[in-house]
Amino acid sequence: CSLCRGAAVRMLAKHDTLPEWMPQECLHDADSDT
């Protein structure tokens, strides 16, 4: 589920624990909120 995938990203971002590669990859995600 793209909504659930986005929720995992938001949790990692909230705690400032996104891996370095993830923000760039998520810029191309199918979910607009992600």
Full PDB file with SEQRES, HELIX, SHEET, SSBOND, CRYST1, ORIGX, SCALE, CONECT and MASTER records, all heavy atoms in Angstrom:
SEQRES   1 A   34  CYS SER LEU CYS ARG GLY ALA ALA VAL ARG MET LEU ALA          
SEQRES   2 A   34  LYS HIS ASP THR LEU PRO GLU TRP MET PRO GLN GLU CYS          
SEQRES   3 A   34  LEU HIS ASP ALA ASP SER ASP THR                              
HELIX    1 AA1 SER A    2  LYS A   14  1                                  13    
HELIX    2 AA2 MET A   22  CYS A   26  1                                   5    
CRYST1    1.000    1.000    1.000  90.00  90.00  90.00 P 1           1          
ORIGX1      1.000000  0.000000  0.000000        0.00000                         
ORIGX2      0.000000  1.000000  0.000000        0.00000                         
ORIGX3      0.000000  0.000000  1.000000        0.00000                         
SCALE1      1.000000  0.000000  0.000000        0.00000                         
SCALE2      0.000000  1.000000  0.000000        0.00000                         
SCALE3      0.000000  0.000000  1.000000        0.00000                         
ATOM      1  N   CYS A   1       0.838  -1.202   0.000  1.00  0.00           N  
ATOM      2  CA  CYS A   1       0.000   0.000   0.000  1.00  0.00           C  
ATOM      3  C   CYS A   1       0.874   1.253   0.000  1.00  0.00           C  
ATOM      4  O   CYS A   1       1.722   1.422   0.884  1.00  0.00           O  
ATOM      5  CB  CYS A   1      -0.908  -0.026   1.235  1.00  0.00           C  
ATOM      6  SG  CYS A   1      -1.870   1.464   1.489  1.00  0.00           S  
ATOM      7  N   SER A   2       0.665   2.142  -0.959  1.00  0.00           N  
ATOM      8  CA  SER A   2       1.486   3.345  -1.034  1.00  0.00           C  
ATOM      9  C   SER A   2       1.213   4.282   0.139  1.00  0.00           C  
ATOM     10  O   SER A   2       2.116   5.006   0.583  1.00  0.00           O  
ATOM     11  CB  SER A   2       1.245   4.074  -2.360  1.00  0.00           C  
ATOM     12  OG  SER A   2      -0.093   4.479  -2.480  1.00  0.00           O  
ATOM     13  N   LEU A   3      -0.013   4.274   0.677  1.00  0.00           N  
ATOM     14  CA  LEU A   3      -0.315   5.099   1.842  1.00  0.00           C  
ATOM     15  C   LEU A   3       0.480   4.626   3.053  1.00  0.00           C  
ATOM     16  O   LEU A   3       1.038   5.429   3.803  1.00  0.00           O  
ATOM     17  CB  LEU A   3      -1.813   5.049   2.134  1.00  0.00           C  
ATOM     18  CG  LEU A   3      -2.335   6.036   3.176  1.00  0.00           C  
ATOM     19  CD1 LEU A   3      -2.285   7.459   2.637  1.00  0.00           C  
ATOM     20  CD2 LEU A   3      -3.760   5.688   3.588  1.00  0.00           C  
ATOM     21  N   CYS A   4       0.559   3.308   3.234  1.00  0.00           N  
ATOM     22  CA  CYS A   4       1.327   2.757   4.358  1.00  0.00           C  
ATOM     23  C   CYS A   4       2.823   2.971   4.161  1.00  0.00           C  
ATOM     24  O   CYS A   4       3.553   3.239   5.127  1.00  0.00           O  
ATOM     25  CB  CYS A   4       1.025   1.264   4.511  1.00  0.00           C  
ATOM     26  SG  CYS A   4      -0.671   0.908   5.021  1.00  0.00           S  
ATOM     27  N   ARG A   5       3.275   2.851   2.938  1.00  0.00           N  
ATOM     28  CA  ARG A   5       4.686   3.132   2.669  1.00  0.00           C  
ATOM     29  C   ARG A   5       5.018   4.571   3.052  1.00  0.00           C  
ATOM     30  O   ARG A   5       6.051   4.852   3.673  1.00  0.00           O  
ATOM     31  CB  ARG A   5       4.997   2.896   1.187  1.00  0.00           C  
ATOM     32  CG  ARG A   5       6.469   3.112   0.825  1.00  0.00           C  
ATOM     33  CD  ARG A   5       6.764   2.734  -0.609  1.00  0.00           C  
ATOM     34  NE  ARG A   5       6.058   3.590  -1.569  1.00  0.00           N  
ATOM     35  CZ  ARG A   5       5.038   3.187  -2.323  1.00  0.00           C  
ATOM     36  NH1 ARG A   5       4.576   1.964  -2.219  1.00  0.00           N  
ATOM     37  NH2 ARG A   5       4.454   4.020  -3.172  1.00  0.00           N  
ATOM     38  N   GLY A   6       4.128   5.483   2.692  1.00  0.00           N  
ATOM     39  CA  GLY A   6       4.337   6.879   3.053  1.00  0.00           C  
ATOM     40  C   GLY A   6       4.338   7.089   4.554  1.00  0.00           C  
ATOM     41  O   GLY A   6       5.069   7.937   5.074  1.00  0.00           O  
ATOM     42  N   ALA A   7       3.514   6.328   5.280  1.00  0.00           N  
ATOM     43  CA  ALA A   7       3.475   6.456   6.736  1.00  0.00           C  
ATOM     44  C   ALA A   7       4.818   6.047   7.353  1.00  0.00           C  
ATOM     45  O   ALA A   7       5.273   6.660   8.330  1.00  0.00           O  
ATOM     46  CB  ALA A   7       2.352   5.605   7.301  1.00  0.00           C  
ATOM     47  N   ALA A   8       5.451   5.014   6.802  1.00  0.00           N  
ATOM     48  CA  ALA A   8       6.778   4.615   7.291  1.00  0.00           C  
ATOM     49  C   ALA A   8       7.798   5.723   7.035  1.00  0.00           C  
ATOM     50  O   ALA A   8       8.635   6.029   7.897  1.00  0.00           O  
ATOM     51  CB  ALA A   8       7.215   3.323   6.609  1.00  0.00           C  
ATOM     52  N   VAL A   9       7.707   6.350   5.872  1.00  0.00           N  
ATOM     53  CA  VAL A   9       8.613   7.457   5.552  1.00  0.00           C  
ATOM     54  C   VAL A   9       8.397   8.621   6.511  1.00  0.00           C  
ATOM     55  O   VAL A   9       9.359   9.214   7.027  1.00  0.00           O  
ATOM     56  CB  VAL A   9       8.401   7.913   4.088  1.00  0.00           C  
ATOM     57  CG1 VAL A   9       9.236   9.157   3.789  1.00  0.00           C  
ATOM     58  CG2 VAL A   9       8.769   6.793   3.122  1.00  0.00           C  
ATOM     59  N   ARG A  10       7.128   8.942   6.782  1.00  0.00           N  
ATOM     60  CA  ARG A  10       6.838  10.059   7.689  1.00  0.00           C  
ATOM     61  C   ARG A  10       7.376   9.789   9.094  1.00  0.00           C  
ATOM     62  O   ARG A  10       7.869  10.702   9.760  1.00  0.00           O  
ATOM     63  CB  ARG A  10       5.328  10.314   7.742  1.00  0.00           C  
ATOM     64  CG  ARG A  10       4.776  11.006   6.508  1.00  0.00           C  
ATOM     65  CD  ARG A  10       3.360  11.509   6.727  1.00  0.00           C  
ATOM     66  NE  ARG A  10       2.419  10.423   6.941  1.00  0.00           N  
ATOM     67  CZ  ARG A  10       1.832   9.742   5.963  1.00  0.00           C  
ATOM     68  NH1 ARG A  10       2.106  10.018   4.695  1.00  0.00           N  
ATOM     69  NH2 ARG A  10       0.969   8.781   6.240  1.00  0.00           N  
ATOM     70  N   MET A  11       7.274   8.530   9.555  1.00  0.00           N  
ATOM     71  CA  MET A  11       7.772   8.218  10.884  1.00  0.00           C  
ATOM     72  C   MET A  11       9.293   8.353  10.941  1.00  0.00           C  
ATOM     73  O   MET A  11       9.852   8.918  11.899  1.00  0.00           O  
ATOM     74  CB  MET A  11       7.346   6.811  11.303  1.00  0.00           C  
ATOM     75  CG  MET A  11       7.563   6.537  12.788  1.00  0.00           C  
ATOM     76  SD  MET A  11       7.022   4.883  13.327  1.00  0.00           S  
ATOM     77  CE  MET A  11       5.286   4.936  12.893  1.00  0.00           C  
ATOM     78  N   LEU A  12       9.965   7.862   9.929  1.00  0.00           N  
ATOM     79  CA  LEU A  12      11.422   8.002   9.881  1.00  0.00           C  
ATOM     80  C   LEU A  12      11.834   9.465   9.817  1.00  0.00           C  
ATOM     81  O   LEU A  12      12.799   9.889  10.467  1.00  0.00           O  
ATOM     82  CB  LEU A  12      11.971   7.243   8.674  1.00  0.00           C  
ATOM     83  CG  LEU A  12      11.929   5.711   8.764  1.00  0.00           C  
ATOM     84  CD1 LEU A  12      12.121   5.087   7.387  1.00  0.00           C  
ATOM     85  CD2 LEU A  12      13.001   5.204   9.732  1.00  0.00           C  
ATOM     86  N   ALA A  13      11.087  10.262   9.040  1.00  0.00           N  
ATOM     87  CA  ALA A  13      11.400  11.687   8.926  1.00  0.00           C  
ATOM     88  C   ALA A  13      11.127  12.413  10.243  1.00  0.00           C  
ATOM     89  O   ALA A  13      11.901  13.289  10.660  1.00  0.00           O  
ATOM     90  CB  ALA A  13      10.578  12.303   7.798  1.00  0.00           C  
ATOM     91  N   LYS A  14      10.035  12.063  10.902  1.00  0.00           N  
ATOM     92  CA  LYS A  14       9.668  12.688  12.178  1.00  0.00           C  
ATOM     93  C   LYS A  14      10.786  12.551  13.195  1.00  0.00           C  
ATOM     94  O   LYS A  14      11.055  13.474  13.982  1.00  0.00           O  
ATOM     95  CB  LYS A  14       8.378  12.054  12.697  1.00  0.00           C  
ATOM     96  CG  LYS A  14       7.969  12.488  14.093  1.00  0.00           C  
ATOM     97  CD  LYS A  14       6.738  11.726  14.543  1.00  0.00           C  
ATOM     98  CE  LYS A  14       6.375  12.049  15.990  1.00  0.00           C  
ATOM     99  NZ  LYS A  14       5.165  11.285  16.443  1.00  0.00           N  
ATOM    100  N   HIS A  15      11.444  11.390  13.202  1.00  0.00           N  
ATOM    101  CA  HIS A  15      12.520  11.130  14.167  1.00  0.00           C  
ATOM    102  C   HIS A  15      13.902  11.419  13.580  1.00  0.00           C  
ATOM    103  O   HIS A  15      14.922  11.059  14.180  1.00  0.00           O  
ATOM    104  CB  HIS A  15      12.435   9.682  14.650  1.00  0.00           C  
ATOM    105  CG  HIS A  15      11.195   9.396  15.435  1.00  0.00           C  
ATOM    106  ND1 HIS A  15      11.055   9.727  16.770  1.00  0.00           N  
ATOM    107  CD2 HIS A  15      10.009   8.829  15.077  1.00  0.00           C  
ATOM    108  CE1 HIS A  15       9.857   9.361  17.196  1.00  0.00           C  
ATOM    109  NE2 HIS A  15       9.199   8.816  16.199  1.00  0.00           N  
ATOM    110  N   ASP A  16      13.910  12.073  12.414  1.00  0.00           N  
ATOM    111  CA  ASP A  16      15.159  12.456  11.744  1.00  0.00           C  
ATOM    112  C   ASP A  16      16.077  11.261  11.533  1.00  0.00           C  
ATOM    113  O   ASP A  16      17.286  11.318  11.776  1.00  0.00           O  
ATOM    114  CB  ASP A  16      15.881  13.543  12.558  1.00  0.00           C  
ATOM    115  CG  ASP A  16      16.937  14.266  11.721  1.00  0.00           C  
ATOM    116  OD1 ASP A  16      16.833  14.230  10.477  1.00  0.00           O  
ATOM    117  OD2 ASP A  16      17.859  14.861  12.320  1.00  0.00           O  
ATOM    118  N   THR A  17      15.472  10.136  11.093  1.00  0.00           N  
ATOM    119  CA  THR A  17      16.250   8.911  10.882  1.00  0.00           C  
ATOM    120  C   THR A  17      16.095   8.375   9.460  1.00  0.00           C  
ATOM    121  O   THR A  17      16.294   7.181   9.223  1.00  0.00           O  
ATOM    122  CB  THR A  17      15.817   7.828  11.895  1.00  0.00           C  
ATOM    123  OG1 THR A  17      14.389   7.690  11.881  1.00  0.00           O  
ATOM    124  CG2 THR A  17      16.270   8.174  13.298  1.00  0.00           C  
ATOM    125  N   LEU A  18      15.734   9.240   8.515  1.00  0.00           N  
ATOM    126  CA  LEU A  18      15.686   8.795   7.120  1.00  0.00           C  
ATOM    127  C   LEU A  18      17.096   8.489   6.630  1.00  0.00           C  
ATOM    128  O   LEU A  18      18.003   9.305   6.810  1.00  0.00           O  
ATOM    129  CB  LEU A  18      15.096   9.890   6.223  1.00  0.00           C  
ATOM    130  CG  LEU A  18      13.580  10.016   6.117  1.00  0.00           C  
ATOM    131  CD1 LEU A  18      13.242  11.138   5.143  1.00  0.00           C  
ATOM    132  CD2 LEU A  18      12.943   8.726   5.650  1.00  0.00           C  
ATOM    133  N   PRO A  19      17.319   7.336   6.011  1.00  0.00           N  
ATOM    134  CA  PRO A  19      18.627   7.082   5.399  1.00  0.00           C  
ATOM    135  C   PRO A  19      18.925   8.132   4.315  1.00  0.00           C  
ATOM    136  O   PRO A  19      17.990   8.707   3.723  1.00  0.00           O  
ATOM    137  CB  PRO A  19      18.464   5.693   4.768  1.00  0.00           C  
ATOM    138  CG  PRO A  19      17.304   5.083   5.468  1.00  0.00           C  
ATOM    139  CD  PRO A  19      16.391   6.206   5.846  1.00  0.00           C  
ATOM    140  N   GLU A  20      20.160   8.383   4.037  1.00  0.00           N  
ATOM    141  CA  GLU A  20      20.541   9.447   3.097  1.00  0.00           C  
ATOM    142  C   GLU A  20      19.931   9.241   1.713  1.00  0.00           C  
ATOM    143  O   GLU A  20      19.569  10.200   1.038  1.00  0.00           O  
ATOM    144  CB  GLU A  20      22.068   9.527   2.991  1.00  0.00           C  
ATOM    145  CG  GLU A  20      22.744  10.087   4.244  1.00  0.00           C  
ATOM    146  CD  GLU A  20      24.238  10.257   4.041  1.00  0.00           C  
ATOM    147  OE1 GLU A  20      24.707  10.045   2.901  1.00  0.00           O  
ATOM    148  OE2 GLU A  20      24.934  10.611   5.006  1.00  0.00           O  
ATOM    149  N   TRP A  21      19.794   7.987   1.286  1.00  0.00           N  
ATOM    150  CA  TRP A  21      19.299   7.715  -0.061  1.00  0.00           C  
ATOM    151  C   TRP A  21      17.787   7.873  -0.200  1.00  0.00           C  
ATOM    152  O   TRP A  21      17.271   8.076  -1.303  1.00  0.00           O  
ATOM    153  CB  TRP A  21      19.660   6.280  -0.478  1.00  0.00           C  
ATOM    154  CG  TRP A  21      19.179   5.222   0.489  1.00  0.00           C  
ATOM    155  CD1 TRP A  21      19.887   4.689   1.533  1.00  0.00           C  
ATOM    156  CD2 TRP A  21      17.878   4.612   0.540  1.00  0.00           C  
ATOM    157  NE1 TRP A  21      19.119   3.778   2.223  1.00  0.00           N  
ATOM    158  CE2 TRP A  21      17.884   3.708   1.632  1.00  0.00           C  
ATOM    159  CE3 TRP A  21      16.726   4.730  -0.228  1.00  0.00           C  
ATOM    160  CZ2 TRP A  21      16.772   2.926   1.973  1.00  0.00           C  
ATOM    161  CZ3 TRP A  21      15.609   3.956   0.104  1.00  0.00           C  
ATOM    162  CH2 TRP A  21      15.641   3.068   1.187  1.00  0.00           C  
ATOM    163  N   MET A  22      17.053   7.814   0.918  1.00  0.00           N  
ATOM    164  CA  MET A  22      15.592   7.711   0.833  1.00  0.00           C  
ATOM    165  C   MET A  22      14.898   8.984   0.344  1.00  0.00           C  
ATOM    166  O   MET A  22      13.992   8.904  -0.495  1.00  0.00           O  
ATOM    167  CB  MET A  22      15.017   7.260   2.166  1.00  0.00           C  
ATOM    168  CG  MET A  22      13.511   6.973   2.102  1.00  0.00           C  
ATOM    169  SD  MET A  22      12.827   6.332   3.653  1.00  0.00           S  
ATOM    170  CE  MET A  22      13.251   4.593   3.514  1.00  0.00           C  
ATOM    171  N   PRO A  23      15.266  10.188   0.811  1.00  0.00           N  
ATOM    172  CA  PRO A  23      14.549  11.371   0.333  1.00  0.00           C  
ATOM    173  C   PRO A  23      14.586  11.511  -1.190  1.00  0.00           C  
ATOM    174  O   PRO A  23      13.570  11.834  -1.812  1.00  0.00           O  
ATOM    175  CB  PRO A  23      15.274  12.532   1.028  1.00  0.00           C  
ATOM    176  CG  PRO A  23      15.846  11.918   2.259  1.00  0.00           C  
ATOM    177  CD  PRO A  23      16.244  10.534   1.863  1.00  0.00           C  
ATOM    178  N   GLN A  24      15.748  11.256  -1.779  1.00  0.00           N  
ATOM    179  CA  GLN A  24      15.856  11.384  -3.233  1.00  0.00           C  
ATOM    180  C   GLN A  24      14.972  10.358  -3.945  1.00  0.00           C  
ATOM    181  O   GLN A  24      14.304  10.679  -4.929  1.00  0.00           O  
ATOM    182  CB  GLN A  24      17.320  11.205  -3.670  1.00  0.00           C  
ATOM    183  CG  GLN A  24      17.575  11.500  -5.133  1.00  0.00           C  
ATOM    184  CD  GLN A  24      17.235  12.932  -5.518  1.00  0.00           C  
ATOM    185  OE1 GLN A  24      17.430  13.861  -4.732  1.00  0.00           O  
ATOM    186  NE2 GLN A  24      16.720  13.116  -6.730  1.00  0.00           N  
ATOM    187  N   GLU A  25      14.936   9.141  -3.426  1.00  0.00           N  
ATOM    188  CA  GLU A  25      14.095   8.119  -4.033  1.00  0.00           C  
ATOM    189  C   GLU A  25      12.613   8.474  -3.875  1.00  0.00           C  
ATOM    190  O   GLU A  25      11.812   8.308  -4.809  1.00  0.00           O  
ATOM    191  CB  GLU A  25      14.380   6.768  -3.397  1.00  0.00           C  
ATOM    192  CG  GLU A  25      13.554   5.625  -3.980  1.00  0.00           C  
ATOM    193  CD  GLU A  25      13.986   4.263  -3.461  1.00  0.00           C  
ATOM    194  OE1 GLU A  25      15.091   3.822  -3.843  1.00  0.00           O  
ATOM    195  OE2 GLU A  25      13.241   3.654  -2.674  1.00  0.00           O  
ATOM    196  N   CYS A  26      12.252   8.989  -2.706  1.00  0.00           N  
ATOM    197  CA  CYS A  26      10.844   9.281  -2.431  1.00  0.00           C  
ATOM    198  C   CYS A  26      10.327  10.483  -3.218  1.00  0.00           C  
ATOM    199  O   CYS A  26       9.111  10.672  -3.321  1.00  0.00           O  
ATOM    200  CB  CYS A  26      10.642   9.510  -0.949  1.00  0.00           C  
ATOM    201  SG  CYS A  26      10.779   8.000   0.042  1.00  0.00           S  
ATOM    202  N   LEU A  27      11.206  11.291  -3.760  1.00  0.00           N  
ATOM    203  CA  LEU A  27      10.765  12.388  -4.617  1.00  0.00           C  
ATOM    204  C   LEU A  27      10.059  11.877  -5.861  1.00  0.00           C  
ATOM    205  O   LEU A  27       9.365  12.644  -6.543  1.00  0.00           O  
ATOM    206  CB  LEU A  27      11.960  13.264  -5.020  1.00  0.00           C  
ATOM    207  CG  LEU A  27      12.571  14.124  -3.916  1.00  0.00           C  
ATOM    208  CD1 LEU A  27      13.837  14.811  -4.421  1.00  0.00           C  
ATOM    209  CD2 LEU A  27      11.562  15.164  -3.411  1.00  0.00           C  
ATOM    210  N   HIS A  28      10.218  10.596  -6.159  1.00  0.00           N  
ATOM    211  CA  HIS A  28       9.597   9.991  -7.344  1.00  0.00           C  
ATOM    212  C   HIS A  28       8.508   8.988  -6.955  1.00  0.00           C  
ATOM    213  O   HIS A  28       8.080   8.199  -7.795  1.00  0.00           O  
ATOM    214  CB  HIS A  28      10.667   9.303  -8.192  1.00  0.00           C  
ATOM    215  CG  HIS A  28      11.821  10.191  -8.531  1.00  0.00           C  
ATOM    216  ND1 HIS A  28      11.742  11.148  -9.517  1.00  0.00           N  
ATOM    217  CD2 HIS A  28      13.064  10.300  -7.994  1.00  0.00           C  
ATOM    218  CE1 HIS A  28      12.895  11.795  -9.584  1.00  0.00           C  
ATOM    219  NE2 HIS A  28      13.711  11.302  -8.674  1.00  0.00           N  
ATOM    220  N   ASP A  29       8.051   9.021  -5.698  1.00  0.00           N  
ATOM    221  CA  ASP A  29       7.056   8.061  -5.229  1.00  0.00           C  
ATOM    222  C   ASP A  29       5.703   8.320  -5.884  1.00  0.00           C  
ATOM    223  O   ASP A  29       5.377   9.449  -6.279  1.00  0.00           O  
ATOM    224  CB  ASP A  29       6.920   8.159  -3.707  1.00  0.00           C  
ATOM    225  CG  ASP A  29       6.239   6.946  -3.109  1.00  0.00           C  
ATOM    226  OD1 ASP A  29       4.999   6.956  -3.017  1.00  0.00           O  
ATOM    227  OD2 ASP A  29       6.951   6.000  -2.752  1.00  0.00           O  
ATOM    228  N   ALA A  30       4.894   7.265  -5.981  1.00  0.00           N  
ATOM    229  CA  ALA A  30       3.562   7.405  -6.570  1.00  0.00           C  
ATOM    230  C   ALA A  30       2.633   8.222  -5.682  1.00  0.00           C  
ATOM    231  O   ALA A  30       1.666   8.814  -6.186  1.00  0.00           O  
ATOM    232  CB  ALA A  30       2.951   6.020  -6.809  1.00  0.00           C  
ATOM    233  N   ASP A  31       2.885   8.285  -4.387  1.00  0.00           N  
ATOM    234  CA  ASP A  31       2.019   8.995  -3.452  1.00  0.00           C  
ATOM    235  C   ASP A  31       2.476  10.441  -3.306  1.00  0.00           C  
ATOM    236  O   ASP A  31       3.636  10.712  -2.977  1.00  0.00           O  
ATOM    237  CB  ASP A  31       2.046   8.292  -2.093  1.00  0.00           C  
ATOM    238  CG  ASP A  31       1.146   8.968  -1.084  1.00  0.00           C  
ATOM    239  OD1 ASP A  31      -0.080   8.852  -1.236  1.00  0.00           O  
ATOM    240  OD2 ASP A  31       1.673   9.618  -0.164  1.00  0.00           O  
ATOM    241  N   SER A  32       1.563  11.379  -3.527  1.00  0.00           N  
ATOM    242  CA  SER A  32       1.930  12.800  -3.515  1.00  0.00           C  
ATOM    243  C   SER A  32       2.378  13.260  -2.129  1.00  0.00           C  
ATOM    244  O   SER A  32       3.289  14.087  -2.007  1.00  0.00           O  
ATOM    245  CB  SER A  32       0.755  13.654  -4.002  1.00  0.00           C  
ATOM    246  OG  SER A  32      -0.393  13.438  -3.192  1.00  0.00           O  
ATOM    247  N   ASP A  33       1.749  12.746  -1.069  1.00  0.00           N  
ATOM    248  CA  ASP A  33       2.153  13.135   0.285  1.00  0.00           C  
ATOM    249  C   ASP A  33       3.573  12.673   0.598  1.00  0.00           C  
ATOM    250  O   ASP A  33       4.342  13.382   1.261  1.00  0.00           O  
ATOM    251  CB  ASP A  33       1.185  12.560   1.313  1.00  0.00           C  
ATOM    252  CG  ASP A  33      -0.175  13.232   1.282  1.00  0.00           C  
ATOM    253  OD1 ASP A  33      -0.267  14.355   0.744  1.00  0.00           O  
ATOM    254  OD2 ASP A  33      -1.148  12.633   1.766  1.00  0.00           O  
ATOM    255  N   THR A  34       3.928  11.467   0.125  1.00  0.00           N  
ATOM    256  CA  THR A  34       5.289  10.966   0.349  1.00  0.00           C  
ATOM    257  C   THR A  34       6.305  11.831  -0.380  1.00  0.00           C  
ATOM    258  O   THR A  34       7.378  12.141   0.158  1.00  0.00           O  
ATOM    259  CB  THR A  34       5.397   9.503  -0.124  1.00  0.00           C  
ATOM    260  OG1 THR A  34       4.442   8.706   0.589  1.00  0.00           O  
ATOM    261  CG2 THR A  34       6.791   8.947   0.117  1.00  0.00           C  
TER     262      THR A  34                                                      
MASTER        0    0    0    2    0    0    0    6  261    1    0    3          
END                                                                             
